[in-house]
Amino acid sequence: MDEIAGLAEHSLAQQYPCRVPVWWGRHGEIERDSSEIGVSGRLVTLRISKNFRRFEGLMAKILRAPKELRRPLDRMNSTLWELCDGSRTFTRICTEMNHLFKEEIAPVIARTAVALSLFQQHNLLLILNEPLDGRWSVGPGIIPENQELADLEEDSIYDIELLSGEQV
């Protein structure tokens, strides 16, 4: 595979992007087939509980506002989300994104770095100096300790099963 110019010198090159504990699930058909472990090529949706303050909670109750936010990711961000399991370096992630999306993601280094930054701004991702190695769960369908989410309906579109070789 061709080396991506400037990737080795990037400040994130040897860092490990890792999603934080948040409920997520896959859905839809396979759009991009990756050989990477834990990458399905399907779309991903995140579920995040809403934390209301006193007045907001009262208004939410009156207006019957949903108690959770569902954030569907587009296909590039879905792939990026699956790649950010704390086991891959930024270099490896950029290489795989470039392989899967080619010109569509050019310039891959800048676009991947910006996407990771946006995940960080929403408190969905950390950049680690070393691999995650099971310090917390990053698999699909796991409700974090600090969140309360309702159980999914039995006919839910979300697939929360681990893929072959995928870590919890």
N, C-alpha and C. Protein backbone atom coordinates (compact mmCIF):
# COMPACT_ATOMS: atom_id res chain seq x y z
N MET A 1 0.84 -1.17 0.00
CA MET A 1 0.00 0.00 0.00
C MET A 1 0.89 1.24 0.00
N ASP A 2 0.49 2.26 -0.72
CA ASP A 2 1.27 3.49 -0.80
C ASP A 2 1.29 4.20 0.55
N GLU A 3 2.45 4.76 0.87
CA GLU A 3 2.58 5.53 2.10
C GLU A 3 1.96 6.91 1.88
N ILE A 4 1.32 7.43 2.90
CA ILE A 4 0.66 8.73 2.82
C ILE A 4 1.67 9.80 3.22
N ALA A 5 1.90 10.75 2.33
CA ALA A 5 2.89 11.81 2.56
C ALA A 5 2.56 12.62 3.81
N GLY A 6 3.54 12.75 4.70
CA GLY A 6 3.40 13.56 5.90
C GLY A 6 2.77 12.86 7.08
N LEU A 7 2.32 11.63 6.90
CA LEU A 7 1.63 10.93 7.98
C LEU A 7 2.56 10.62 9.15
N ALA A 8 3.75 10.13 8.87
CA ALA A 8 4.69 9.76 9.93
C ALA A 8 5.10 10.96 10.79
N GLU A 9 5.07 12.16 10.21
CA GLU A 9 5.48 13.37 10.93
C GLU A 9 4.33 14.04 11.67
N HIS A 10 3.10 13.59 11.47
CA HIS A 10 1.95 14.22 12.11
C HIS A 10 2.02 14.06 13.62
N SER A 11 1.55 15.06 14.35
CA SER A 11 1.63 15.03 15.82
C SER A 11 0.85 13.88 16.45
N LEU A 12 -0.16 13.37 15.76
CA LEU A 12 -0.96 12.25 16.28
C LEU A 12 -0.47 10.89 15.79
N ALA A 13 0.54 10.85 14.96
CA ALA A 13 0.95 9.64 14.25
C ALA A 13 1.02 8.40 15.13
N GLN A 14 1.62 8.49 16.30
CA GLN A 14 1.78 7.33 17.17
C GLN A 14 0.83 7.34 18.36
N GLN A 15 -0.23 8.13 18.27
CA GLN A 15 -1.25 8.19 19.31
C GLN A 15 -2.36 7.19 18.99
N TYR A 16 -3.13 6.81 20.01
CA TYR A 16 -4.18 5.81 19.88
C TYR A 16 -5.56 6.45 20.14
N PRO A 17 -6.28 6.84 19.09
CA PRO A 17 -7.64 7.35 19.30
C PRO A 17 -8.53 6.25 19.86
N CYS A 18 -9.30 6.59 20.89
CA CYS A 18 -10.13 5.58 21.55
C CYS A 18 -11.47 6.17 21.95
N ARG A 19 -12.55 5.50 21.56
CA ARG A 19 -13.87 5.97 21.97
C ARG A 19 -14.04 5.76 23.48
N VAL A 20 -14.79 6.63 24.10
CA VAL A 20 -15.07 6.51 25.53
C VAL A 20 -16.29 5.60 25.69
N PRO A 21 -16.58 5.16 26.92
CA PRO A 21 -17.77 4.32 27.11
C PRO A 21 -19.05 5.08 26.73
N VAL A 22 -19.69 4.62 25.72
CA VAL A 22 -20.96 5.18 25.25
C VAL A 22 -21.70 4.06 24.51
N TRP A 23 -23.03 4.04 24.63
CA TRP A 23 -23.80 3.02 23.93
C TRP A 23 -23.75 3.33 22.44
N TRP A 24 -23.47 2.29 21.65
CA TRP A 24 -23.53 2.44 20.20
C TRP A 24 -23.92 1.11 19.58
N GLY A 25 -24.50 1.18 18.39
CA GLY A 25 -24.90 -0.02 17.68
C GLY A 25 -24.78 0.17 16.18
N ARG A 26 -24.68 -0.95 15.50
CA ARG A 26 -24.57 -0.93 14.04
C ARG A 26 -25.95 -1.17 13.42
N HIS A 27 -26.12 -0.67 12.20
CA HIS A 27 -27.37 -0.93 11.48
C HIS A 27 -27.13 -0.74 9.99
N GLY A 28 -28.08 -1.20 9.21
CA GLY A 28 -27.98 -1.05 7.75
C GLY A 28 -27.11 -2.12 7.12
N GLU A 29 -26.94 -1.97 5.83
CA GLU A 29 -26.15 -2.92 5.04
C GLU A 29 -24.67 -2.55 5.07
N ILE A 30 -23.84 -3.52 4.75
CA ILE A 30 -22.41 -3.28 4.65
C ILE A 30 -22.17 -2.38 3.45
N GLU A 31 -21.52 -1.24 3.68
CA GLU A 31 -21.25 -0.30 2.59
C GLU A 31 -19.80 -0.35 2.14
N ARG A 32 -18.89 -0.52 3.08
CA ARG A 32 -17.46 -0.63 2.77
C ARG A 32 -16.93 -1.82 3.53
N ASP A 33 -16.32 -2.76 2.83
CA ASP A 33 -15.82 -3.96 3.48
C ASP A 33 -14.36 -3.78 3.85
N SER A 34 -14.08 -3.84 5.14
CA SER A 34 -12.72 -3.68 5.65
C SER A 34 -12.21 -5.01 6.17
N SER A 35 -10.92 -5.22 6.06
CA SER A 35 -10.31 -6.43 6.60
C SER A 35 -9.90 -6.23 8.06
N GLU A 36 -10.08 -5.01 8.59
CA GLU A 36 -9.71 -4.71 9.97
C GLU A 36 -10.69 -5.39 10.94
N ILE A 37 -10.16 -5.93 12.02
CA ILE A 37 -10.99 -6.56 13.05
C ILE A 37 -11.85 -5.49 13.71
N GLY A 38 -13.15 -5.78 13.87
CA GLY A 38 -14.06 -4.86 14.54
C GLY A 38 -14.64 -3.79 13.65
N VAL A 39 -14.38 -3.86 12.35
CA VAL A 39 -14.91 -2.86 11.42
C VAL A 39 -15.88 -3.57 10.47
N SER A 40 -17.16 -3.22 10.59
CA SER A 40 -18.20 -3.92 9.84
C SER A 40 -18.51 -3.28 8.49
N GLY A 41 -18.25 -1.98 8.34
CA GLY A 41 -18.64 -1.29 7.12
C GLY A 41 -20.10 -0.86 7.14
N ARG A 42 -20.76 -1.03 8.29
CA ARG A 42 -22.16 -0.62 8.44
C ARG A 42 -22.22 0.74 9.12
N LEU A 43 -23.40 1.33 9.13
CA LEU A 43 -23.59 2.61 9.81
C LEU A 43 -23.66 2.40 11.32
N VAL A 44 -23.29 3.43 12.06
CA VAL A 44 -23.28 3.40 13.52
C VAL A 44 -24.17 4.52 14.05
N THR A 45 -24.91 4.22 15.11
CA THR A 45 -25.68 5.22 15.83
C THR A 45 -25.27 5.19 17.29
N LEU A 46 -25.07 6.37 17.88
CA LEU A 46 -24.73 6.51 19.29
C LEU A 46 -26.00 6.87 20.05
N ARG A 47 -26.15 6.33 21.26
CA ARG A 47 -27.25 6.70 22.15
C ARG A 47 -26.65 7.31 23.41
N ILE A 48 -27.07 8.53 23.74
CA ILE A 48 -26.51 9.25 24.87
C ILE A 48 -27.67 9.77 25.72
N SER A 49 -27.63 9.47 27.02
CA SER A 49 -28.71 9.96 27.89
C SER A 49 -28.58 11.47 28.08
N LYS A 50 -29.72 12.13 28.16
CA LYS A 50 -29.74 13.58 28.39
C LYS A 50 -29.77 13.83 29.90
N ASN A 51 -28.95 14.73 30.35
CA ASN A 51 -28.94 15.12 31.76
C ASN A 51 -29.54 16.51 31.87
N PHE A 52 -30.77 16.56 32.39
CA PHE A 52 -31.47 17.83 32.51
C PHE A 52 -31.22 18.46 33.88
N ARG A 53 -31.15 19.78 33.91
CA ARG A 53 -31.15 20.49 35.19
C ARG A 53 -32.60 20.54 35.67
N ARG A 54 -32.81 21.12 36.81
CA ARG A 54 -34.14 21.11 37.43
C ARG A 54 -35.22 21.68 36.50
N PHE A 55 -35.03 22.91 36.04
CA PHE A 55 -36.03 23.55 35.18
C PHE A 55 -36.16 22.82 33.85
N GLU A 56 -35.01 22.44 33.26
CA GLU A 56 -35.04 21.71 31.99
C GLU A 56 -35.78 20.40 32.14
N GLY A 57 -35.58 19.72 33.26
CA GLY A 57 -36.26 18.46 33.52
C GLY A 57 -37.76 18.63 33.59
N LEU A 58 -38.19 19.70 34.24
CA LEU A 58 -39.61 20.00 34.33
C LEU A 58 -40.19 20.27 32.95
N MET A 59 -39.50 21.09 32.16
CA MET A 59 -39.96 21.39 30.80
C MET A 59 -39.97 20.13 29.93
N ALA A 60 -38.95 19.31 30.08
CA ALA A 60 -38.87 18.07 29.30
C ALA A 60 -40.04 17.15 29.64
N LYS A 61 -40.40 17.11 30.92
CA LYS A 61 -41.51 16.26 31.34
C LYS A 61 -42.83 16.77 30.75
N ILE A 62 -43.03 18.08 30.82
CA ILE A 62 -44.26 18.69 30.28
C ILE A 62 -44.35 18.47 28.77
N LEU A 63 -43.24 18.68 28.09
CA LEU A 63 -43.22 18.57 26.63
C LEU A 63 -42.98 17.14 26.13
N ARG A 64 -42.82 16.21 27.07
CA ARG A 64 -42.54 14.80 26.75
C ARG A 64 -41.32 14.65 25.84
N ALA A 65 -40.28 15.35 26.20
CA ALA A 65 -39.03 15.29 25.42
C ALA A 65 -38.37 13.93 25.61
N PRO A 66 -37.69 13.44 24.60
CA PRO A 66 -36.99 12.16 24.76
C PRO A 66 -35.90 12.27 25.82
N LYS A 67 -35.64 11.16 26.51
CA LYS A 67 -34.64 11.15 27.57
C LYS A 67 -33.25 10.79 27.05
N GLU A 68 -33.17 10.56 25.76
CA GLU A 68 -31.87 10.23 25.18
C GLU A 68 -31.72 10.88 23.82
N LEU A 69 -30.47 11.06 23.45
CA LEU A 69 -30.10 11.60 22.15
C LEU A 69 -29.59 10.45 21.31
N ARG A 70 -30.12 10.30 20.11
CA ARG A 70 -29.60 9.30 19.17
C ARG A 70 -28.88 10.05 18.07
N ARG A 71 -27.60 9.75 17.95
CA ARG A 71 -26.76 10.47 16.99
C ARG A 71 -26.30 9.49 15.92
N PRO A 72 -26.98 9.45 14.75
CA PRO A 72 -26.52 8.58 13.66
C PRO A 72 -25.29 9.18 12.99
N LEU A 73 -24.32 8.35 12.71
CA LEU A 73 -23.09 8.79 12.04
C LEU A 73 -23.18 8.46 10.56
N ASP A 74 -22.55 9.29 9.73
CA ASP A 74 -22.49 8.98 8.30
C ASP A 74 -21.50 7.82 8.09
N ARG A 75 -21.36 7.36 6.86
CA ARG A 75 -20.55 6.16 6.65
C ARG A 75 -19.07 6.35 6.95
N MET A 76 -18.51 7.52 6.66
CA MET A 76 -17.09 7.74 6.99
C MET A 76 -16.88 7.81 8.50
N ASN A 77 -17.74 8.55 9.19
CA ASN A 77 -17.60 8.65 10.64
C ASN A 77 -17.93 7.33 11.33
N SER A 78 -18.84 6.54 10.75
CA SER A 78 -19.12 5.21 11.29
C SER A 78 -17.89 4.32 11.22
N THR A 79 -17.22 4.35 10.08
CA THR A 79 -15.99 3.57 9.93
C THR A 79 -14.92 4.07 10.89
N LEU A 80 -14.78 5.38 10.98
CA LEU A 80 -13.79 5.96 11.89
C LEU A 80 -14.11 5.56 13.33
N TRP A 81 -15.37 5.59 13.71
CA TRP A 81 -15.79 5.20 15.06
C TRP A 81 -15.37 3.76 15.36
N GLU A 82 -15.62 2.87 14.42
CA GLU A 82 -15.26 1.47 14.64
C GLU A 82 -13.74 1.28 14.71
N LEU A 83 -13.00 2.06 13.95
CA LEU A 83 -11.54 1.96 13.97
C LEU A 83 -10.94 2.48 15.28
N CYS A 84 -11.63 3.38 15.95
CA CYS A 84 -11.10 4.02 17.17
C CYS A 84 -11.40 3.19 18.41
N ASP A 85 -10.86 1.99 18.46
CA ASP A 85 -11.08 1.11 19.61
C ASP A 85 -9.91 1.12 20.59
N GLY A 86 -8.95 2.00 20.37
CA GLY A 86 -7.80 2.11 21.27
C GLY A 86 -6.68 1.15 20.97
N SER A 87 -6.82 0.35 19.91
CA SER A 87 -5.76 -0.61 19.56
C SER A 87 -4.96 -0.17 18.33
N ARG A 88 -5.46 0.84 17.62
CA ARG A 88 -4.82 1.28 16.38
C ARG A 88 -4.27 2.69 16.53
N THR A 89 -3.13 2.92 15.93
CA THR A 89 -2.56 4.27 15.93
C THR A 89 -3.29 5.13 14.91
N PHE A 90 -3.11 6.43 15.05
CA PHE A 90 -3.65 7.38 14.07
C PHE A 90 -3.14 7.03 12.68
N THR A 91 -1.87 6.64 12.58
CA THR A 91 -1.27 6.26 11.29
C THR A 91 -2.03 5.11 10.66
N ARG A 92 -2.30 4.08 11.44
CA ARG A 92 -3.01 2.91 10.92
C ARG A 92 -4.45 3.27 10.54
N ILE A 93 -5.08 4.11 11.33
CA ILE A 93 -6.45 4.53 11.03
C ILE A 93 -6.50 5.32 9.73
N CYS A 94 -5.58 6.26 9.56
CA CYS A 94 -5.53 7.05 8.32
C CYS A 94 -5.29 6.16 7.11
N THR A 95 -4.40 5.19 7.26
CA THR A 95 -4.09 4.27 6.17
C THR A 95 -5.33 3.47 5.77
N GLU A 96 -6.08 2.99 6.75
CA GLU A 96 -7.29 2.22 6.46
C GLU A 96 -8.38 3.11 5.86
N MET A 97 -8.55 4.31 6.39
CA MET A 97 -9.55 5.23 5.84
C MET A 97 -9.20 5.58 4.40
N ASN A 98 -7.93 5.80 4.12
CA ASN A 98 -7.48 6.09 2.75
C ASN A 98 -7.74 4.91 1.83
N HIS A 99 -7.50 3.70 2.33
CA HIS A 99 -7.73 2.49 1.55
C HIS A 99 -9.22 2.32 1.22
N LEU A 100 -10.08 2.58 2.19
CA LEU A 100 -11.52 2.37 2.00
C LEU A 100 -12.20 3.48 1.20
N PHE A 101 -11.80 4.73 1.42
CA PHE A 101 -12.53 5.85 0.83
C PHE A 101 -11.79 6.58 -0.27
N LYS A 102 -10.53 6.29 -0.47
CA LYS A 102 -9.71 6.85 -1.56
C LYS A 102 -9.86 8.36 -1.70
N GLU A 103 -10.18 8.86 -2.90
CA GLU A 103 -10.28 10.31 -3.14
C GLU A 103 -11.39 10.96 -2.32
N GLU A 104 -12.38 10.17 -1.95
CA GLU A 104 -13.53 10.70 -1.22
C GLU A 104 -13.12 11.32 0.13
N ILE A 105 -12.02 10.85 0.70
CA ILE A 105 -11.59 11.36 2.01
C ILE A 105 -10.33 12.23 1.91
N ALA A 106 -9.86 12.49 0.71
CA ALA A 106 -8.65 13.31 0.54
C ALA A 106 -8.91 14.74 0.97
N PRO A 107 -8.00 15.36 1.67
CA PRO A 107 -6.75 14.87 2.25
C PRO A 107 -7.02 14.10 3.55
N VAL A 108 -6.66 12.84 3.56
CA VAL A 108 -7.04 11.92 4.63
C VAL A 108 -6.51 12.32 6.00
N ILE A 109 -5.30 12.82 6.09
CA ILE A 109 -4.73 13.17 7.40
C ILE A 109 -5.53 14.30 8.03
N ALA A 110 -5.75 15.36 7.28
CA ALA A 110 -6.47 16.52 7.81
C ALA A 110 -7.92 16.17 8.15
N ARG A 111 -8.59 15.45 7.28
CA ARG A 111 -10.00 15.13 7.51
C ARG A 111 -10.18 14.18 8.68
N THR A 112 -9.27 13.22 8.82
CA THR A 112 -9.35 12.29 9.95
C THR A 112 -9.07 13.02 11.25
N ALA A 113 -8.07 13.89 11.26
CA ALA A 113 -7.73 14.66 12.47
C ALA A 113 -8.90 15.55 12.89
N VAL A 114 -9.56 16.19 11.93
CA VAL A 114 -10.70 17.05 12.24
C VAL A 114 -11.86 16.23 12.80
N ALA A 115 -12.14 15.09 12.20
CA ALA A 115 -13.22 14.23 12.68
C ALA A 115 -12.94 13.76 14.11
N LEU A 116 -11.70 13.38 14.38
CA LEU A 116 -11.34 12.96 15.74
C LEU A 116 -11.50 14.12 16.72
N SER A 117 -11.12 15.31 16.29
CA SER A 117 -11.26 16.50 17.13
C SER A 117 -12.73 16.77 17.47
N LEU A 118 -13.61 16.58 16.50
CA LEU A 118 -15.04 16.77 16.75
C LEU A 118 -15.58 15.74 17.73
N PHE A 119 -15.16 14.48 17.59
CA PHE A 119 -15.54 13.46 18.57
C PHE A 119 -15.05 13.86 19.96
N GLN A 120 -13.82 14.39 20.04
CA GLN A 120 -13.27 14.84 21.32
C GLN A 120 -14.09 15.98 21.91
N GLN A 121 -14.47 16.94 21.08
CA GLN A 121 -15.25 18.09 21.55
C GLN A 121 -16.60 17.67 22.13
N HIS A 122 -17.14 16.56 21.63
CA HIS A 122 -18.41 16.04 22.13
C HIS A 122 -18.21 15.01 23.24
N ASN A 123 -16.98 14.92 23.75
CA ASN A 123 -16.64 13.99 24.84
C ASN A 123 -16.94 12.54 24.49
N LEU A 124 -16.68 12.17 23.25
CA LEU A 124 -16.92 10.81 22.78
C LEU A 124 -15.62 10.04 22.52
N LEU A 125 -14.48 10.72 22.59
CA LEU A 125 -13.22 10.11 22.20
C LEU A 125 -12.06 10.71 23.00
N LEU A 126 -11.08 9.86 23.28
CA LEU A 126 -9.83 10.30 23.91
C LEU A 126 -8.68 9.92 23.00
N ILE A 127 -7.59 10.66 23.10
CA ILE A 127 -6.37 10.30 22.38
C ILE A 127 -5.39 9.77 23.43
N LEU A 128 -5.03 8.50 23.31
CA LEU A 128 -4.16 7.84 24.29
C LEU A 128 -2.73 7.77 23.79
N ASN A 129 -1.79 7.73 24.73
CA ASN A 129 -0.37 7.59 24.39
C ASN A 129 0.03 6.14 24.20
N GLU A 130 -0.80 5.23 24.66
CA GLU A 130 -0.53 3.79 24.54
C GLU A 130 -1.84 3.07 24.26
N PRO A 131 -1.80 1.83 23.80
CA PRO A 131 -3.04 1.11 23.50
C PRO A 131 -3.95 1.00 24.73
N LEU A 132 -5.25 0.90 24.49
CA LEU A 132 -6.25 0.81 25.56
C LEU A 132 -6.06 -0.44 26.41
N ASP A 133 -5.85 -1.58 25.79
CA ASP A 133 -5.62 -2.85 26.49
C ASP A 133 -6.68 -3.16 27.54
N GLY A 134 -7.95 -2.95 27.21
CA GLY A 134 -9.05 -3.38 28.07
C GLY A 134 -9.29 -2.56 29.32
N ARG A 135 -8.77 -1.36 29.41
CA ARG A 135 -8.98 -0.55 30.62
C ARG A 135 -10.45 -0.16 30.81
N TRP A 136 -11.21 -0.06 29.74
CA TRP A 136 -12.65 0.14 29.81
C TRP A 136 -13.27 -0.49 28.57
N SER A 137 -14.58 -0.65 28.61
CA SER A 137 -15.30 -1.31 27.52
C SER A 137 -15.62 -0.32 26.41
N VAL A 138 -15.32 -0.72 25.18
CA VAL A 138 -15.62 0.13 24.02
C VAL A 138 -16.52 -0.58 23.01
N GLY A 139 -17.03 -1.74 23.38
CA GLY A 139 -17.85 -2.53 22.47
C GLY A 139 -19.26 -1.97 22.31
N PRO A 140 -19.99 -2.50 21.34
CA PRO A 140 -21.36 -2.03 21.08
C PRO A 140 -22.35 -2.51 22.14
N GLY A 141 -23.41 -1.72 22.34
CA GLY A 141 -24.51 -2.13 23.19
C GLY A 141 -24.28 -2.06 24.68
N ILE A 142 -23.21 -1.44 25.12
CA ILE A 142 -22.90 -1.38 26.55
C ILE A 142 -23.32 -0.01 27.09
N ILE A 143 -24.16 -0.03 28.12
CA ILE A 143 -24.61 1.23 28.73
C ILE A 143 -23.58 1.62 29.79
N PRO A 144 -22.97 2.79 29.64
CA PRO A 144 -21.99 3.24 30.64
C PRO A 144 -22.62 3.43 32.02
N GLU A 145 -21.80 3.29 33.05
CA GLU A 145 -22.29 3.41 34.43
C GLU A 145 -22.97 4.75 34.71
N ASN A 146 -22.49 5.82 34.10
CA ASN A 146 -23.00 7.15 34.39
C ASN A 146 -24.22 7.54 33.56
N GLN A 147 -24.78 6.59 32.79
CA GLN A 147 -25.93 6.91 31.94
C GLN A 147 -27.09 5.96 32.23
N GLU A 148 -28.29 6.47 32.04
CA GLU A 148 -29.49 5.65 32.13
C GLU A 148 -30.17 5.68 30.78
N LEU A 149 -30.23 4.52 30.14
CA LEU A 149 -30.89 4.40 28.85
C LEU A 149 -31.95 3.31 28.94
N ALA A 150 -33.07 3.54 28.29
CA ALA A 150 -34.13 2.53 28.26
C ALA A 150 -33.68 1.33 27.43
N ASP A 151 -34.24 0.17 27.75
CA ASP A 151 -33.96 -1.01 26.95
C ASP A 151 -34.52 -0.82 25.55
N LEU A 152 -33.84 -1.41 24.57
CA LEU A 152 -34.31 -1.33 23.19
C LEU A 152 -35.48 -2.28 22.97
N GLU A 153 -36.32 -1.93 22.02
CA GLU A 153 -37.41 -2.82 21.65
C GLU A 153 -36.82 -4.09 21.03
N GLU A 154 -37.57 -5.18 21.08
CA GLU A 154 -37.07 -6.45 20.52
C GLU A 154 -36.83 -6.37 19.02
N ASP A 155 -37.62 -5.57 18.32
CA ASP A 155 -37.47 -5.46 16.87
C ASP A 155 -36.59 -4.28 16.47
N SER A 156 -35.70 -3.88 17.35
CA SER A 156 -34.80 -2.76 17.10
C SER A 156 -33.92 -3.02 15.88
N ILE A 157 -33.58 -1.96 15.17
CA ILE A 157 -32.72 -2.08 13.99
C ILE A 157 -31.25 -2.20 14.36
N TYR A 158 -30.92 -1.97 15.63
CA TYR A 158 -29.52 -1.92 16.04
C TYR A 158 -28.95 -3.30 16.34
N ASP A 159 -27.79 -3.55 15.77
CA ASP A 159 -27.06 -4.79 16.00
C ASP A 159 -25.97 -4.47 17.03
N ILE A 160 -26.03 -5.14 18.18
CA ILE A 160 -25.05 -4.87 19.23
C ILE A 160 -24.18 -6.10 19.52
N GLU A 161 -24.17 -7.04 18.60
CA GLU A 161 -23.33 -8.22 18.74
C GLU A 161 -21.89 -7.89 18.38
N LEU A 162 -20.95 -8.51 19.10
CA LEU A 162 -19.54 -8.33 18.77
C LEU A 162 -19.22 -9.03 17.46
N LEU A 163 -18.35 -8.44 16.68
CA LEU A 163 -17.86 -9.08 15.46
C LEU A 163 -16.76 -10.06 15.83
N SER A 164 -16.46 -10.96 14.94
CA SER A 164 -15.39 -11.94 15.18
C SER A 164 -14.08 -11.22 15.48
N GLY A 165 -13.48 -11.53 16.62
CA GLY A 165 -12.21 -10.94 17.01
C GLY A 165 -12.31 -9.59 17.69
N GLU A 166 -13.51 -9.03 17.76
CA GLU A 166 -13.70 -7.70 18.36
C GLU A 166 -13.64 -7.80 19.88
N GLN A 167 -13.02 -6.81 20.50
CA GLN A 167 -12.91 -6.75 21.96
C GLN A 167 -14.08 -5.97 22.54
N VAL A 168 -14.48 -6.35 23.74
CA VAL A 168 -15.53 -5.62 24.46
C VAL A 168 -14.94 -4.31 24.88
